[in-house]
């Protein structure tokens, strides 16, 4: 599943109905990877792949199911 699938939600719906846990941390991590490439280590990237991305994927999949359920 592509994380960009979350863009199918309207901005207001995402903000009021479908909250991602750790949304601020997700944005901060994205910014660190994109802009702070000199501070990104292989260990840091591996921890994202193993620990954080599977949890985020599950949460987004649940949001997509909820979207279908409530026809948002």
N, C-alpha and C. Protein backbone atom coordinates (compact mmCIF):
# COMPACT_ATOMS: atom_id res chain seq x y z
N UNK A 1 0.84 -1.18 0.00
CA UNK A 1 0.00 0.00 0.00
C UNK A 1 0.88 1.24 0.00
N UNK A 2 0.54 2.20 -0.80
CA UNK A 2 1.28 3.46 -0.82
C UNK A 2 0.75 4.38 0.25
N UNK A 3 1.63 5.00 0.98
CA UNK A 3 1.22 5.94 2.03
C UNK A 3 0.48 7.11 1.40
N UNK A 4 0.77 7.43 0.16
CA UNK A 4 0.09 8.55 -0.48
C UNK A 4 -1.41 8.31 -0.64
N UNK A 5 -1.87 7.10 -0.39
CA UNK A 5 -3.31 6.83 -0.45
C UNK A 5 -4.08 7.66 0.56
N UNK A 6 -3.42 8.13 1.59
CA UNK A 6 -4.10 8.97 2.58
C UNK A 6 -4.54 10.29 1.99
N UNK A 7 -4.01 10.69 0.86
CA UNK A 7 -4.42 11.95 0.25
C UNK A 7 -5.83 11.88 -0.30
N UNK A 8 -6.42 10.69 -0.36
CA UNK A 8 -7.79 10.59 -0.84
C UNK A 8 -8.78 11.13 0.18
N UNK A 9 -8.36 11.33 1.41
CA UNK A 9 -9.21 11.96 2.41
C UNK A 9 -9.17 13.46 2.19
N UNK A 10 -10.29 14.12 2.45
CA UNK A 10 -10.28 15.58 2.43
C UNK A 10 -9.49 16.09 3.62
N UNK A 11 -8.88 17.25 3.48
CA UNK A 11 -8.04 17.79 4.56
C UNK A 11 -8.83 17.97 5.84
N UNK A 12 -10.05 18.49 5.75
CA UNK A 12 -10.86 18.68 6.95
C UNK A 12 -11.23 17.35 7.58
N UNK A 13 -11.53 16.36 6.76
CA UNK A 13 -11.88 15.04 7.28
C UNK A 13 -10.69 14.42 7.99
N UNK A 14 -9.53 14.56 7.42
CA UNK A 14 -8.33 14.03 8.07
C UNK A 14 -8.11 14.69 9.42
N UNK A 15 -8.31 15.98 9.47
CA UNK A 15 -8.07 16.72 10.71
C UNK A 15 -9.10 16.43 11.78
N UNK A 16 -10.36 16.25 11.40
CA UNK A 16 -11.41 16.12 12.40
C UNK A 16 -11.86 14.69 12.65
N UNK A 17 -11.82 13.84 11.64
CA UNK A 17 -12.37 12.50 11.78
C UNK A 17 -11.31 11.43 11.87
N UNK A 18 -10.31 11.51 11.03
CA UNK A 18 -9.31 10.46 10.92
C UNK A 18 -7.96 10.98 11.38
N UNK A 19 -7.65 10.75 12.61
CA UNK A 19 -6.40 11.23 13.19
C UNK A 19 -5.34 10.13 13.13
N UNK A 20 -4.18 10.46 12.66
CA UNK A 20 -3.04 9.56 12.72
C UNK A 20 -2.32 9.80 14.04
N UNK A 21 -2.06 8.72 14.75
CA UNK A 21 -1.27 8.89 15.97
C UNK A 21 0.14 9.30 15.55
N UNK A 22 0.75 10.10 16.36
CA UNK A 22 2.12 10.55 16.09
C UNK A 22 2.26 11.32 14.78
N UNK A 23 1.22 12.03 14.37
CA UNK A 23 1.27 12.76 13.10
C UNK A 23 2.43 13.74 13.06
N UNK A 24 2.66 14.45 14.14
CA UNK A 24 3.75 15.43 14.18
C UNK A 24 5.10 14.72 14.03
N UNK A 25 5.26 13.57 14.68
CA UNK A 25 6.51 12.81 14.58
C UNK A 25 6.72 12.30 13.16
N UNK A 26 5.64 11.94 12.49
CA UNK A 26 5.73 11.47 11.10
C UNK A 26 6.25 12.60 10.21
N UNK A 27 5.69 13.78 10.37
CA UNK A 27 6.13 14.94 9.58
C UNK A 27 7.59 15.28 9.90
N UNK A 28 7.93 15.27 11.17
CA UNK A 28 9.32 15.57 11.56
C UNK A 28 10.29 14.55 10.97
N UNK A 29 9.91 13.28 10.98
CA UNK A 29 10.78 12.24 10.43
C UNK A 29 10.94 12.42 8.93
N UNK A 30 9.85 12.72 8.26
CA UNK A 30 9.92 12.98 6.82
C UNK A 30 10.88 14.13 6.54
N UNK A 31 10.75 15.20 7.30
CA UNK A 31 11.63 16.35 7.10
C UNK A 31 13.09 16.00 7.37
N UNK A 32 13.31 15.18 8.38
CA UNK A 32 14.69 14.77 8.69
C UNK A 32 15.28 13.95 7.56
N UNK A 33 14.49 13.03 7.01
CA UNK A 33 14.99 12.18 5.92
C UNK A 33 15.22 13.02 4.67
N UNK A 34 14.30 13.92 4.36
CA UNK A 34 14.40 14.70 3.13
C UNK A 34 15.47 15.79 3.22
N UNK A 35 15.50 16.52 4.33
CA UNK A 35 16.37 17.69 4.42
C UNK A 35 17.65 17.48 5.24
N UNK A 36 17.63 16.49 6.11
CA UNK A 36 18.79 16.29 6.97
C UNK A 36 19.53 15.01 6.63
N UNK A 37 19.69 14.79 5.34
CA UNK A 37 20.26 13.53 4.89
C UNK A 37 21.62 13.24 5.49
N UNK A 38 22.36 14.26 5.88
CA UNK A 38 23.68 14.02 6.46
C UNK A 38 23.58 13.48 7.89
N UNK A 39 22.40 13.62 8.52
CA UNK A 39 22.23 13.11 9.88
C UNK A 39 21.45 11.80 9.93
N UNK A 40 21.06 11.29 8.77
CA UNK A 40 20.28 10.05 8.71
C UNK A 40 21.24 8.88 8.55
N UNK A 41 21.21 7.99 9.54
CA UNK A 41 22.10 6.83 9.52
C UNK A 41 21.36 5.60 9.03
N UNK A 42 22.09 4.60 8.57
CA UNK A 42 21.44 3.34 8.20
C UNK A 42 20.66 2.73 9.37
N UNK A 43 21.18 2.86 10.58
CA UNK A 43 20.49 2.34 11.77
C UNK A 43 19.14 3.03 11.95
N UNK A 44 19.10 4.34 11.78
CA UNK A 44 17.86 5.10 11.89
C UNK A 44 16.85 4.64 10.84
N UNK A 45 17.29 4.53 9.58
CA UNK A 45 16.40 4.08 8.51
C UNK A 45 15.89 2.67 8.76
N UNK A 46 16.76 1.79 9.24
CA UNK A 46 16.35 0.41 9.51
C UNK A 46 15.30 0.38 10.62
N UNK A 47 15.44 1.22 11.63
CA UNK A 47 14.43 1.24 12.70
C UNK A 47 13.08 1.70 12.16
N UNK A 48 13.08 2.61 11.20
CA UNK A 48 11.82 3.01 10.56
C UNK A 48 11.18 1.83 9.84
N UNK A 49 11.99 1.12 9.06
CA UNK A 49 11.48 0.01 8.27
C UNK A 49 10.93 -1.10 9.16
N UNK A 50 11.64 -1.45 10.21
CA UNK A 50 11.27 -2.58 11.06
C UNK A 50 10.21 -2.23 12.09
N UNK A 51 10.32 -1.08 12.71
CA UNK A 51 9.47 -0.77 13.86
C UNK A 51 8.30 0.14 13.52
N UNK A 52 8.55 1.21 12.82
CA UNK A 52 7.54 2.26 12.69
C UNK A 52 6.65 2.14 11.45
N UNK A 53 7.20 1.76 10.33
CA UNK A 53 6.40 1.70 9.11
C UNK A 53 5.31 0.63 9.18
N UNK A 54 5.57 -0.57 9.72
CA UNK A 54 4.47 -1.54 9.83
C UNK A 54 3.30 -1.02 10.67
N UNK A 55 3.59 -0.33 11.76
CA UNK A 55 2.52 0.22 12.60
C UNK A 55 1.75 1.30 11.84
N UNK A 56 2.46 2.15 11.12
CA UNK A 56 1.82 3.20 10.34
C UNK A 56 0.96 2.60 9.23
N UNK A 57 1.47 1.58 8.58
CA UNK A 57 0.72 0.90 7.52
C UNK A 57 -0.58 0.34 8.06
N UNK A 58 -0.53 -0.32 9.21
CA UNK A 58 -1.74 -0.87 9.82
C UNK A 58 -2.75 0.22 10.14
N UNK A 59 -2.26 1.31 10.67
CA UNK A 59 -3.15 2.42 11.03
C UNK A 59 -3.81 3.02 9.79
N UNK A 60 -3.05 3.19 8.72
CA UNK A 60 -3.61 3.74 7.48
C UNK A 60 -4.61 2.78 6.87
N UNK A 61 -4.31 1.49 6.90
CA UNK A 61 -5.26 0.50 6.39
C UNK A 61 -6.58 0.58 7.15
N UNK A 62 -6.51 0.75 8.47
CA UNK A 62 -7.72 0.88 9.27
C UNK A 62 -8.47 2.16 8.91
N UNK A 63 -7.76 3.24 8.69
CA UNK A 63 -8.41 4.49 8.28
C UNK A 63 -9.13 4.33 6.94
N UNK A 64 -8.51 3.60 6.02
CA UNK A 64 -9.15 3.37 4.72
C UNK A 64 -10.40 2.51 4.87
N UNK A 65 -10.35 1.52 5.76
CA UNK A 65 -11.55 0.70 6.03
C UNK A 65 -12.65 1.57 6.63
N UNK A 66 -12.28 2.43 7.57
CA UNK A 66 -13.26 3.33 8.19
C UNK A 66 -13.85 4.27 7.15
N UNK A 67 -13.02 4.73 6.24
CA UNK A 67 -13.50 5.62 5.18
C UNK A 67 -14.57 4.92 4.37
N UNK A 68 -14.32 3.67 3.99
CA UNK A 68 -15.31 2.91 3.23
C UNK A 68 -16.57 2.67 4.07
N UNK A 69 -16.38 2.35 5.33
CA UNK A 69 -17.50 2.05 6.22
C UNK A 69 -18.43 3.25 6.37
N UNK A 70 -17.85 4.42 6.53
CA UNK A 70 -18.65 5.63 6.75
C UNK A 70 -18.87 6.42 5.46
N UNK A 71 -18.35 5.88 4.34
CA UNK A 71 -18.50 6.51 3.04
C UNK A 71 -18.12 7.99 3.09
N UNK A 72 -16.93 8.23 3.63
CA UNK A 72 -16.44 9.60 3.79
C UNK A 72 -15.77 10.04 2.52
